[in-house]
Amino acid sequence: MKTQAAKVTITRVDAAPNGLSVDVHVENLGGHKLPTAYPSRRAWLHFVVNDGNGRVVFESGALNPDGSIVGNDNDEDPLKFEPHYREITRSQEVEIYRTDPEGFGGEGYDRPAPCGRY
């Protein structure tokens, strides 16, 4: 059994007086889809930036006490869907990965779709 499904690497960090730009690369180590199995499984990036004193100055993908993901539109309202992001600029944006059924054509990561195959 594999102990790691993915490798997450920070490939670039650019600091500027008004912010930070970071490139994050996610490599699937499983040899199959990530996440695997039933479509309701999901994986997300939890990204935290701390200042020199250890205080959190930016966070995306944190968990709420009830287990929902901060910023995930679908956790807040089952009729809404979290889009995929190429760039996260606000803490209310979170990148979530889900295994989509074959023929899936929805814009959101978590849109229900009938399926027989992945």
C-alpha atoms as a PDB file:
ATOM      1  CA  MET A   1       0.000   0.000   0.000  1.00  0.00           C
ATOM      2  CA  LYS A   2       1.314   3.441  -0.879  1.00  0.00           C
ATOM      3  CA  THR A   3       1.915   5.843   1.967  1.00  0.00           C
ATOM      4  CA  GLN A   4       1.794   8.925  -0.258  1.00  0.00           C
ATOM      5  CA  ALA A   5      -0.730   9.681  -2.987  1.00  0.00           C
ATOM      6  CA  ALA A   6       0.872  12.920  -4.157  1.00  0.00           C
ATOM      7  CA  LYS A   7       4.011  14.994  -3.918  1.00  0.00           C
ATOM      8  CA  VAL A   8       3.523  18.730  -3.385  1.00  0.00           C
ATOM      9  CA  THR A   9       6.448  20.967  -4.297  1.00  0.00           C
ATOM     10  CA  ILE A  10       6.897  24.731  -4.133  1.00  0.00           C
ATOM     11  CA  THR A  11       8.698  25.475  -7.390  1.00  0.00           C
ATOM     12  CA  ARG A  12       8.972  29.277  -7.202  1.00  0.00           C
ATOM     13  CA  VAL A  13       8.647  32.000  -4.566  1.00  0.00           C
ATOM     14  CA  ASP A  14       8.744  35.705  -5.437  1.00  0.00           C
ATOM     15  CA  ALA A  15       8.456  38.221  -2.609  1.00  0.00           C
ATOM     16  CA  ALA A  16       7.410  41.807  -3.232  1.00  0.00           C
ATOM     17  CA  PRO A  17       6.545  44.677  -0.861  1.00  0.00           C
ATOM     18  CA  ASN A  18       2.820  44.193  -1.592  1.00  0.00           C
ATOM     19  CA  GLY A  19       2.650  40.390  -1.545  1.00  0.00           C
ATOM     20  CA  LEU A  20       4.025  36.975  -2.297  1.00  0.00           C
ATOM     21  CA  SER A  21       3.751  34.867  -5.444  1.00  0.00           C
ATOM     22  CA  VAL A  22       4.244  31.108  -5.105  1.00  0.00           C
ATOM     23  CA  ASP A  23       4.037  28.331  -7.703  1.00  0.00           C
ATOM     24  CA  VAL A  24       2.900  24.985  -6.303  1.00  0.00           C
ATOM     25  CA  HIS A  25       3.255  21.731  -8.267  1.00  0.00           C
ATOM     26  CA  VAL A  26       1.157  18.661  -7.376  1.00  0.00           C
ATOM     27  CA  GLU A  27       2.492  15.356  -8.728  1.00  0.00           C
ATOM     28  CA  ASN A  28       0.234  12.301  -8.660  1.00  0.00           C
ATOM     29  CA  LEU A  29       2.238   9.334  -7.278  1.00  0.00           C
ATOM     30  CA  GLY A  30      -0.618   6.845  -7.374  1.00  0.00           C
ATOM     31  CA  GLY A  31      -0.474   5.651 -10.962  1.00  0.00           C
ATOM     32  CA  HIS A  32      -4.202   6.364 -11.274  1.00  0.00           C
ATOM     33  CA  LYS A  33      -6.562   9.267 -10.738  1.00  0.00           C
ATOM     34  CA  LEU A  34      -6.138  11.537  -7.743  1.00  0.00           C
ATOM     35  CA  PRO A  35      -8.129  11.236  -5.601  1.00  0.00           C
ATOM     36  CA  THR A  36      -9.105   7.690  -6.406  1.00  0.00           C
ATOM     37  CA  ALA A  37     -12.368   5.750  -6.022  1.00  0.00           C
ATOM     38  CA  TYR A  38     -15.858   7.071  -5.382  1.00  0.00           C
ATOM     39  CA  PRO A  39     -16.456  10.571  -6.846  1.00  0.00           C
ATOM     40  CA  SER A  40     -17.295  12.192  -3.520  1.00  0.00           C
ATOM     41  CA  ARG A  41     -13.687  11.780  -2.375  1.00  0.00           C
ATOM     42  CA  ARG A  42     -11.720  14.949  -2.681  1.00  0.00           C
ATOM     43  CA  ALA A  43      -8.265  16.312  -2.050  1.00  0.00           C
ATOM     44  CA  TRP A  44      -7.450  19.965  -1.568  1.00  0.00           C
ATOM     45  CA  LEU A  45      -4.473  22.205  -0.999  1.00  0.00           C
ATOM     46  CA  HIS A  46      -4.141  23.735   2.455  1.00  0.00           C
ATOM     47  CA  PHE A  47      -1.660  26.574   2.025  1.00  0.00           C
ATOM     48  CA  VAL A  48      -0.444  28.743   4.921  1.00  0.00           C
ATOM     49  CA  VAL A  49       1.895  31.748   4.926  1.00  0.00           C
ATOM     50  CA  ASN A  50       3.342  32.857   8.286  1.00  0.00           C
ATOM     51  CA  ASP A  51       5.218  36.069   9.057  1.00  0.00           C
ATOM     52  CA  GLY A  52       8.566  36.175  10.861  1.00  0.00           C
ATOM     53  CA  ASN A  53       6.779  35.888  14.221  1.00  0.00           C
ATOM     54  CA  GLY A  54       4.850  32.773  13.201  1.00  0.00           C
ATOM     55  CA  ARG A  55       1.521  34.588  12.774  1.00  0.00           C
ATOM     56  CA  VAL A  56      -0.684  33.450   9.903  1.00  0.00           C
ATOM     57  CA  VAL A  57      -0.883  36.209   7.276  1.00  0.00           C
ATOM     58  CA  PHE A  58      -2.591  34.136   4.551  1.00  0.00           C
ATOM     59  CA  GLU A  59      -4.358  30.789   4.532  1.00  0.00           C
ATOM     60  CA  SER A  60      -6.325  28.890   1.872  1.00  0.00           C
ATOM     61  CA  GLY A  61      -7.971  25.510   2.379  1.00  0.00           C
ATOM     62  CA  ALA A  62      -8.283  25.461   6.165  1.00  0.00           C
ATOM     63  CA  LEU A  63     -10.877  23.267   7.841  1.00  0.00           C
ATOM     64  CA  ASN A  64     -13.811  24.613   9.819  1.00  0.00           C
ATOM     65  CA  PRO A  65     -14.594  22.933  13.169  1.00  0.00           C
ATOM     66  CA  ASP A  66     -17.377  20.939  11.446  1.00  0.00           C
ATOM     67  CA  GLY A  67     -14.916  19.474   8.882  1.00  0.00           C
ATOM     68  CA  SER A  68     -16.035  21.621   5.962  1.00  0.00           C
ATOM     69  CA  ILE A  69     -13.395  23.484   3.936  1.00  0.00           C
ATOM     70  CA  VAL A  70     -13.181  27.258   4.425  1.00  0.00           C
ATOM     71  CA  GLY A  71     -14.134  28.930   1.146  1.00  0.00           C
ATOM     72  CA  ASN A  72     -15.617  25.831  -0.500  1.00  0.00           C
ATOM     73  CA  ASP A  73     -18.850  27.139  -2.001  1.00  0.00           C
ATOM     74  CA  ASN A  74     -20.352  23.618  -2.149  1.00  0.00           C
ATOM     75  CA  ASP A  75     -19.811  23.010   1.583  1.00  0.00           C
ATOM     76  CA  GLU A  76     -21.699  26.239   2.299  1.00  0.00           C
ATOM     77  CA  ASP A  77     -24.511  25.680  -0.220  1.00  0.00           C
ATOM     78  CA  PRO A  78     -25.085  22.326  -2.014  1.00  0.00           C
ATOM     79  CA  LEU A  79     -26.406  24.206  -5.074  1.00  0.00           C
ATOM     80  CA  LYS A  80     -23.122  26.126  -5.540  1.00  0.00           C
ATOM     81  CA  PHE A  81     -19.839  24.800  -6.902  1.00  0.00           C
ATOM     82  CA  GLU A  82     -16.223  25.739  -6.249  1.00  0.00           C
ATOM     83  CA  PRO A  83     -14.409  26.492  -9.519  1.00  0.00           C
ATOM     84  CA  HIS A  84     -10.896  25.325 -10.339  1.00  0.00           C
ATOM     85  CA  TYR A  85      -8.271  28.018  -9.887  1.00  0.00           C
ATOM     86  CA  ARG A  86      -5.043  28.642 -11.772  1.00  0.00           C
ATOM     87  CA  GLU A  87      -4.241  31.329  -9.213  1.00  0.00           C
ATOM     88  CA  ILE A  88      -5.394  31.744  -5.598  1.00  0.00           C
ATOM     89  CA  THR A  89      -5.532  35.410  -4.582  1.00  0.00           C
ATOM     90  CA  ARG A  90      -7.941  35.385  -1.606  1.00  0.00           C
ATOM     91  CA  SER A  91      -8.267  33.154   1.445  1.00  0.00           C
ATOM     92  CA  GLN A  92     -11.836  32.311   0.421  1.00  0.00           C
ATOM     93  CA  GLU A  93     -10.483  30.580  -2.727  1.00  0.00           C
ATOM     94  CA  VAL A  94      -9.394  26.954  -2.389  1.00  0.00           C
ATOM     95  CA  GLU A  95      -8.165  24.421  -4.951  1.00  0.00           C
ATOM     96  CA  ILE A  96     -10.071  21.152  -4.646  1.00  0.00           C
ATOM     97  CA  TYR A  97      -9.450  18.003  -6.696  1.00  0.00           C
ATOM     98  CA  ARG A  98     -12.096  15.380  -7.285  1.00  0.00           C
ATOM     99  CA  THR A  99     -12.311  12.272  -9.480  1.00  0.00           C
ATOM    100  CA  ASP A 100     -14.837  13.099 -12.184  1.00  0.00           C
ATOM    101  CA  PRO A 101     -17.008  10.434 -13.797  1.00  0.00           C
ATOM    102  CA  GLU A 102     -16.546   9.650 -17.488  1.00  0.00           C
ATOM    103  CA  GLY A 103     -18.477  12.170 -19.576  1.00  0.00           C
ATOM    104  CA  PHE A 104     -18.477  14.737 -16.779  1.00  0.00           C
ATOM    105  CA  GLY A 105     -18.869  18.193 -18.262  1.00  0.00           C
ATOM    106  CA  GLY A 106     -19.759  20.388 -15.293  1.00  0.00           C
ATOM    107  CA  GLU A 107     -17.958  23.626 -14.531  1.00  0.00           C
ATOM    108  CA  GLY A 108     -17.777  22.937 -10.795  1.00  0.00           C
ATOM    109  CA  TYR A 109     -15.621  20.251  -9.239  1.00  0.00           C
ATOM    110  CA  ASP A 110     -18.530  18.720  -7.326  1.00  0.00           C
ATOM    111  CA  ARG A 111     -21.486  18.775  -9.730  1.00  0.00           C
ATOM    112  CA  PRO A 112     -23.527  15.536  -9.415  1.00  0.00           C
ATOM    113  CA  ALA A 113     -23.401  13.400 -12.544  1.00  0.00           C
ATOM    114  CA  PRO A 114     -24.688   9.871 -13.265  1.00  0.00           C
ATOM    115  CA  CYS A 115     -21.890   7.510 -14.169  1.00  0.00           C
ATOM    116  CA  GLY A 116     -20.923   3.914 -14.627  1.00  0.00           C
ATOM    117  CA  ARG A 117     -17.198   4.456 -15.249  1.00  0.00           C
ATOM    118  CA  TYR A 118     -14.468   6.870 -14.260  1.00  0.00           C
END
